[in-house]
Amino acid sequence: MKYLIILNDAPYGSERSYNGLRLAGSLAKQEGDSVSVFLIGDAANCAIGGQTTPNGYYNIERMIKGLASKGSQIGICGTCMDARGIRPEMVTEGSKRSTMDELTRWTTEADKVLVF
């Protein structure tokens, strides 16, 4: 099954992006399933590299790297990156600048779309 998870919220605060990435990580462990994650709006900040969090606190950057290491695609809305001053060299390994056209393709190809 192909899953697309769309995240809208900032990396820290409401925990919506955290919970979406938790689900993505769990789905990515299932044999034969694929997971794509699209970061839009304030969720574009989830892909900024160099995040430092207190011991015992979740780290969104590590979660994204973990998903990418399992073969998940991580796309970041390019317009949202520009609006927030996020340059390509600032994003964490495994994530990439993306477009609405790519989100459209991922959506039409997905068996299930989940929005956080």
N, C-alpha and C. Protein backbone atom coordinates (compact mmCIF):
# COMPACT_ATOMS: atom_id res chain seq x y z
N MET A 1 0.84 -1.18 0.00
CA MET A 1 0.00 0.00 0.00
C MET A 1 0.89 1.24 0.00
N LYS A 2 0.45 2.27 -0.70
CA LYS A 2 1.18 3.54 -0.75
C LYS A 2 0.47 4.57 0.11
N TYR A 3 1.22 5.13 1.05
CA TYR A 3 0.68 6.14 1.96
C TYR A 3 1.31 7.49 1.66
N LEU A 4 0.51 8.53 1.74
CA LEU A 4 0.99 9.90 1.68
C LEU A 4 0.53 10.58 2.96
N ILE A 5 1.49 11.16 3.67
CA ILE A 5 1.17 11.91 4.88
C ILE A 5 1.56 13.36 4.63
N ILE A 6 0.58 14.24 4.81
CA ILE A 6 0.80 15.67 4.61
C ILE A 6 0.81 16.34 5.98
N LEU A 7 1.91 17.03 6.28
CA LEU A 7 2.05 17.73 7.56
C LEU A 7 1.94 19.23 7.33
N ASN A 8 1.20 19.90 8.21
CA ASN A 8 0.96 21.34 8.10
C ASN A 8 1.55 22.16 9.23
N ASP A 9 1.81 21.55 10.38
CA ASP A 9 2.18 22.31 11.58
C ASP A 9 3.69 22.36 11.80
N ALA A 10 4.09 23.35 12.58
CA ALA A 10 5.51 23.53 12.94
C ALA A 10 6.03 22.28 13.66
N PRO A 11 7.34 22.10 13.68
CA PRO A 11 7.91 20.89 14.27
C PRO A 11 7.66 20.73 15.76
N TYR A 12 7.56 21.81 16.48
CA TYR A 12 7.39 21.72 17.93
C TYR A 12 6.24 22.62 18.34
N GLY A 13 5.47 22.18 19.27
CA GLY A 13 4.34 22.98 19.75
C GLY A 13 3.10 22.11 19.88
N SER A 14 2.35 21.98 18.79
CA SER A 14 1.09 21.24 18.86
C SER A 14 1.28 19.73 18.85
N GLU A 15 2.43 19.26 18.43
CA GLU A 15 2.79 17.84 18.30
C GLU A 15 2.06 17.14 17.15
N ARG A 16 1.35 17.89 16.32
CA ARG A 16 0.69 17.26 15.17
C ARG A 16 1.72 16.69 14.20
N SER A 17 2.76 17.45 13.89
CA SER A 17 3.79 16.94 12.98
C SER A 17 4.51 15.75 13.60
N TYR A 18 4.79 15.84 14.89
CA TYR A 18 5.42 14.73 15.61
C TYR A 18 4.57 13.46 15.47
N ASN A 19 3.28 13.57 15.73
CA ASN A 19 2.41 12.41 15.65
C ASN A 19 2.27 11.89 14.22
N GLY A 20 2.25 12.79 13.26
CA GLY A 20 2.22 12.36 11.86
C GLY A 20 3.48 11.59 11.49
N LEU A 21 4.63 12.05 11.98
CA LEU A 21 5.89 11.35 11.70
C LEU A 21 5.98 10.03 12.46
N ARG A 22 5.40 9.98 13.63
CA ARG A 22 5.35 8.70 14.37
C ARG A 22 4.58 7.67 13.56
N LEU A 23 3.43 8.08 13.04
CA LEU A 23 2.63 7.16 12.23
C LEU A 23 3.39 6.78 10.96
N ALA A 24 4.01 7.75 10.32
CA ALA A 24 4.79 7.46 9.11
C ALA A 24 5.88 6.43 9.39
N GLY A 25 6.57 6.59 10.52
CA GLY A 25 7.61 5.64 10.89
C GLY A 25 7.07 4.24 11.10
N SER A 26 5.93 4.14 11.73
CA SER A 26 5.30 2.84 11.96
C SER A 26 4.86 2.20 10.64
N LEU A 27 4.26 3.00 9.77
CA LEU A 27 3.83 2.48 8.46
C LEU A 27 5.03 2.05 7.62
N ALA A 28 6.13 2.78 7.71
CA ALA A 28 7.31 2.48 6.90
C ALA A 28 7.94 1.14 7.29
N LYS A 29 7.64 0.65 8.46
CA LYS A 29 8.18 -0.64 8.92
C LYS A 29 7.46 -1.83 8.29
N GLN A 30 6.29 -1.58 7.73
CA GLN A 30 5.50 -2.68 7.16
C GLN A 30 6.07 -3.09 5.80
N GLU A 31 6.30 -4.36 5.67
CA GLU A 31 6.85 -4.91 4.43
C GLU A 31 5.92 -4.64 3.26
N GLY A 32 6.47 -4.13 2.17
CA GLY A 32 5.71 -3.90 0.95
C GLY A 32 4.98 -2.57 0.89
N ASP A 33 4.96 -1.82 1.98
CA ASP A 33 4.29 -0.52 1.99
C ASP A 33 5.31 0.59 1.74
N SER A 34 4.84 1.69 1.15
CA SER A 34 5.72 2.84 0.97
C SER A 34 5.04 4.07 1.57
N VAL A 35 5.88 4.98 2.06
CA VAL A 35 5.39 6.18 2.72
C VAL A 35 6.08 7.39 2.12
N SER A 36 5.28 8.38 1.74
CA SER A 36 5.80 9.68 1.33
C SER A 36 5.26 10.71 2.31
N VAL A 37 6.09 11.70 2.63
CA VAL A 37 5.69 12.76 3.55
C VAL A 37 5.90 14.09 2.83
N PHE A 38 4.86 14.93 2.86
CA PHE A 38 4.96 16.26 2.25
C PHE A 38 4.80 17.29 3.35
N LEU A 39 5.78 18.18 3.46
CA LEU A 39 5.79 19.24 4.47
C LEU A 39 5.33 20.53 3.82
N ILE A 40 4.23 21.09 4.32
CA ILE A 40 3.65 22.29 3.73
C ILE A 40 3.35 23.29 4.85
N GLY A 41 3.31 24.56 4.51
CA GLY A 41 3.06 25.58 5.53
C GLY A 41 4.17 25.59 6.56
N ASP A 42 3.80 25.75 7.82
CA ASP A 42 4.80 25.79 8.90
C ASP A 42 5.55 24.47 9.06
N ALA A 43 5.03 23.39 8.50
CA ALA A 43 5.73 22.11 8.58
C ALA A 43 7.02 22.12 7.77
N ALA A 44 7.19 23.08 6.88
CA ALA A 44 8.46 23.19 6.14
C ALA A 44 9.62 23.32 7.12
N ASN A 45 9.36 23.93 8.28
CA ASN A 45 10.41 24.06 9.30
C ASN A 45 10.85 22.73 9.89
N CYS A 46 10.05 21.69 9.72
CA CYS A 46 10.42 20.36 10.22
C CYS A 46 11.71 19.86 9.57
N ALA A 47 11.98 20.30 8.36
CA ALA A 47 13.12 19.78 7.60
C ALA A 47 14.41 20.57 7.81
N ILE A 48 14.38 21.59 8.65
CA ILE A 48 15.61 22.36 8.89
C ILE A 48 16.59 21.49 9.66
N GLY A 49 17.82 21.40 9.16
CA GLY A 49 18.85 20.60 9.79
C GLY A 49 19.47 21.28 11.00
N GLY A 50 20.13 20.50 11.83
CA GLY A 50 20.83 21.03 12.99
C GLY A 50 19.95 21.27 14.20
N GLN A 51 18.80 20.61 14.27
CA GLN A 51 17.92 20.77 15.42
C GLN A 51 18.55 20.17 16.68
N THR A 52 18.48 20.92 17.75
CA THR A 52 18.97 20.45 19.04
C THR A 52 17.82 20.50 20.03
N THR A 53 17.52 19.37 20.62
CA THR A 53 16.44 19.30 21.60
C THR A 53 16.99 18.75 22.91
N PRO A 54 16.33 19.01 24.03
CA PRO A 54 16.79 18.50 25.32
C PRO A 54 16.79 16.97 25.35
N ASN A 55 17.63 16.38 26.17
CA ASN A 55 17.64 14.92 26.34
C ASN A 55 16.25 14.45 26.74
N GLY A 56 15.82 13.37 26.12
CA GLY A 56 14.52 12.80 26.42
C GLY A 56 13.37 13.42 25.63
N TYR A 57 13.65 14.44 24.82
CA TYR A 57 12.62 15.10 24.03
C TYR A 57 12.76 14.64 22.59
N TYR A 58 11.65 14.47 21.91
CA TYR A 58 11.71 14.02 20.52
C TYR A 58 12.43 15.06 19.65
N ASN A 59 13.00 14.55 18.55
CA ASN A 59 13.74 15.40 17.62
C ASN A 59 13.20 15.13 16.22
N ILE A 60 12.52 16.10 15.65
CA ILE A 60 11.88 15.94 14.34
C ILE A 60 12.91 15.65 13.24
N GLU A 61 14.06 16.29 13.31
CA GLU A 61 15.08 16.05 12.29
C GLU A 61 15.49 14.58 12.27
N ARG A 62 15.72 14.00 13.44
CA ARG A 62 16.08 12.57 13.50
C ARG A 62 14.97 11.69 12.95
N MET A 63 13.72 12.08 13.22
CA MET A 63 12.59 11.30 12.71
C MET A 63 12.56 11.33 11.18
N ILE A 64 12.81 12.49 10.60
CA ILE A 64 12.83 12.61 9.14
C ILE A 64 13.98 11.80 8.55
N LYS A 65 15.15 11.89 9.15
CA LYS A 65 16.29 11.11 8.67
C LYS A 65 15.99 9.61 8.74
N GLY A 66 15.33 9.18 9.81
CA GLY A 66 14.97 7.77 9.96
C GLY A 66 14.03 7.31 8.87
N LEU A 67 13.05 8.13 8.55
CA LEU A 67 12.13 7.79 7.47
C LEU A 67 12.85 7.70 6.13
N ALA A 68 13.70 8.68 5.87
CA ALA A 68 14.45 8.69 4.61
C ALA A 68 15.33 7.44 4.50
N SER A 69 15.91 7.02 5.62
CA SER A 69 16.78 5.83 5.60
C SER A 69 15.99 4.56 5.29
N LYS A 70 14.68 4.59 5.50
CA LYS A 70 13.82 3.45 5.18
C LYS A 70 13.26 3.56 3.76
N GLY A 71 13.69 4.56 3.00
CA GLY A 71 13.26 4.71 1.62
C GLY A 71 12.08 5.63 1.42
N SER A 72 11.61 6.29 2.47
CA SER A 72 10.49 7.22 2.33
C SER A 72 10.94 8.49 1.62
N GLN A 73 10.03 9.05 0.83
CA GLN A 73 10.28 10.33 0.18
C GLN A 73 9.79 11.44 1.10
N ILE A 74 10.61 12.47 1.27
CA ILE A 74 10.25 13.62 2.09
C ILE A 74 10.33 14.85 1.20
N GLY A 75 9.18 15.43 0.88
CA GLY A 75 9.13 16.63 0.04
C GLY A 75 8.76 17.84 0.88
N ILE A 76 9.35 18.98 0.54
CA ILE A 76 9.07 20.24 1.22
C ILE A 76 8.53 21.22 0.19
N CYS A 77 7.41 21.82 0.48
CA CYS A 77 6.82 22.81 -0.42
C CYS A 77 7.83 23.94 -0.67
N GLY A 78 8.22 24.12 -1.92
CA GLY A 78 9.20 25.15 -2.26
C GLY A 78 8.72 26.56 -1.97
N THR A 79 7.46 26.84 -2.23
CA THR A 79 6.90 28.16 -1.94
C THR A 79 6.94 28.42 -0.44
N CYS A 80 6.64 27.41 0.35
CA CYS A 80 6.66 27.53 1.81
C CYS A 80 8.09 27.73 2.32
N MET A 81 9.04 27.06 1.67
CA MET A 81 10.45 27.27 2.02
C MET A 81 10.84 28.72 1.78
N ASP A 82 10.50 29.23 0.60
CA ASP A 82 10.84 30.60 0.25
C ASP A 82 10.23 31.60 1.23
N ALA A 83 8.96 31.39 1.58
CA ALA A 83 8.27 32.30 2.49
C ALA A 83 8.91 32.34 3.88
N ARG A 84 9.60 31.26 4.25
CA ARG A 84 10.20 31.16 5.57
C ARG A 84 11.72 31.33 5.55
N GLY A 85 12.26 31.64 4.38
CA GLY A 85 13.70 31.86 4.27
C GLY A 85 14.53 30.59 4.41
N ILE A 86 13.93 29.46 4.08
CA ILE A 86 14.64 28.18 4.18
C ILE A 86 15.32 27.90 2.84
N ARG A 87 16.65 27.88 2.87
CA ARG A 87 17.43 27.62 1.67
C ARG A 87 17.71 26.11 1.55
N PRO A 88 17.92 25.60 0.34
CA PRO A 88 18.15 24.17 0.16
C PRO A 88 19.29 23.60 1.03
N GLU A 89 20.33 24.40 1.25
CA GLU A 89 21.45 23.90 2.05
C GLU A 89 21.11 23.80 3.54
N MET A 90 19.96 24.33 3.94
CA MET A 90 19.54 24.28 5.34
C MET A 90 18.75 23.01 5.67
N VAL A 91 18.28 22.29 4.66
CA VAL A 91 17.39 21.16 4.93
C VAL A 91 18.16 19.90 5.29
N THR A 92 17.53 19.10 6.09
CA THR A 92 18.14 17.88 6.58
C THR A 92 18.29 16.84 5.47
N GLU A 93 19.27 16.01 5.65
CA GLU A 93 19.55 14.92 4.70
C GLU A 93 18.31 14.04 4.54
N GLY A 94 17.99 13.72 3.30
CA GLY A 94 16.85 12.86 3.01
C GLY A 94 15.59 13.61 2.64
N SER A 95 15.59 14.93 2.81
CA SER A 95 14.44 15.73 2.41
C SER A 95 14.83 16.60 1.22
N LYS A 96 13.83 17.04 0.47
CA LYS A 96 14.14 17.83 -0.72
C LYS A 96 13.05 18.85 -1.01
N ARG A 97 13.45 19.91 -1.66
CA ARG A 97 12.50 20.93 -2.14
C ARG A 97 11.56 20.26 -3.13
N SER A 98 10.29 20.57 -3.03
CA SER A 98 9.31 19.94 -3.89
C SER A 98 8.33 20.99 -4.42
N THR A 99 7.30 20.52 -5.08
CA THR A 99 6.33 21.40 -5.73
C THR A 99 4.90 20.89 -5.54
N MET A 100 3.95 21.74 -5.85
CA MET A 100 2.55 21.32 -5.84
C MET A 100 2.30 20.25 -6.90
N ASP A 101 3.01 20.33 -8.00
CA ASP A 101 2.86 19.29 -9.03
C ASP A 101 3.28 17.93 -8.49
N GLU A 102 4.35 17.89 -7.73
CA GLU A 102 4.78 16.61 -7.15
C GLU A 102 3.77 16.14 -6.10
N LEU A 103 3.28 17.06 -5.26
CA LEU A 103 2.25 16.69 -4.28
C LEU A 103 1.02 16.14 -5.00
N THR A 104 0.65 16.75 -6.10
CA THR A 104 -0.50 16.27 -6.88
C THR A 104 -0.25 14.84 -7.36
N ARG A 105 0.95 14.59 -7.87
CA ARG A 105 1.28 13.24 -8.36
C ARG A 105 1.27 12.24 -7.21
N TRP A 106 1.91 12.60 -6.10
CA TRP A 106 1.92 11.69 -4.94
C TRP A 106 0.50 11.39 -4.46
N THR A 107 -0.37 12.41 -4.49
CA THR A 107 -1.75 12.23 -4.03
C THR A 107 -2.51 11.27 -4.94
N THR A 108 -2.37 11.44 -6.24
CA THR A 108 -3.11 10.57 -7.17
C THR A 108 -2.56 9.14 -7.16
N GLU A 109 -1.28 8.97 -6.80
CA GLU A 109 -0.68 7.65 -6.76
C GLU A 109 -0.91 6.93 -5.44
N ALA A 110 -1.27 7.67 -4.38
CA ALA A 110 -1.41 7.09 -3.05
C ALA A 110 -2.70 6.29 -2.90
N ASP A 111 -2.63 5.21 -2.13
CA ASP A 111 -3.82 4.48 -1.76
C ASP A 111 -4.56 5.16 -0.61
N LYS A 112 -3.78 5.76 0.28
CA LYS A 112 -4.34 6.49 1.43
C LYS A 112 -3.57 7.78 1.63
N VAL A 113 -4.32 8.86 1.90
CA VAL A 113 -3.74 10.16 2.19
C VAL A 113 -4.18 10.57 3.58
N LEU A 114 -3.22 10.90 4.44
CA LEU A 114 -3.50 11.32 5.81
C LEU A 114 -2.96 12.73 6.00
N VAL A 115 -3.73 13.59 6.63
CA VAL A 115 -3.33 14.98 6.79
C VAL A 115 -3.28 15.31 8.28
N PHE A 116 -2.14 15.86 8.69
CA PHE A 116 -1.95 16.28 10.08
C PHE A 116 -1.69 17.77 10.10
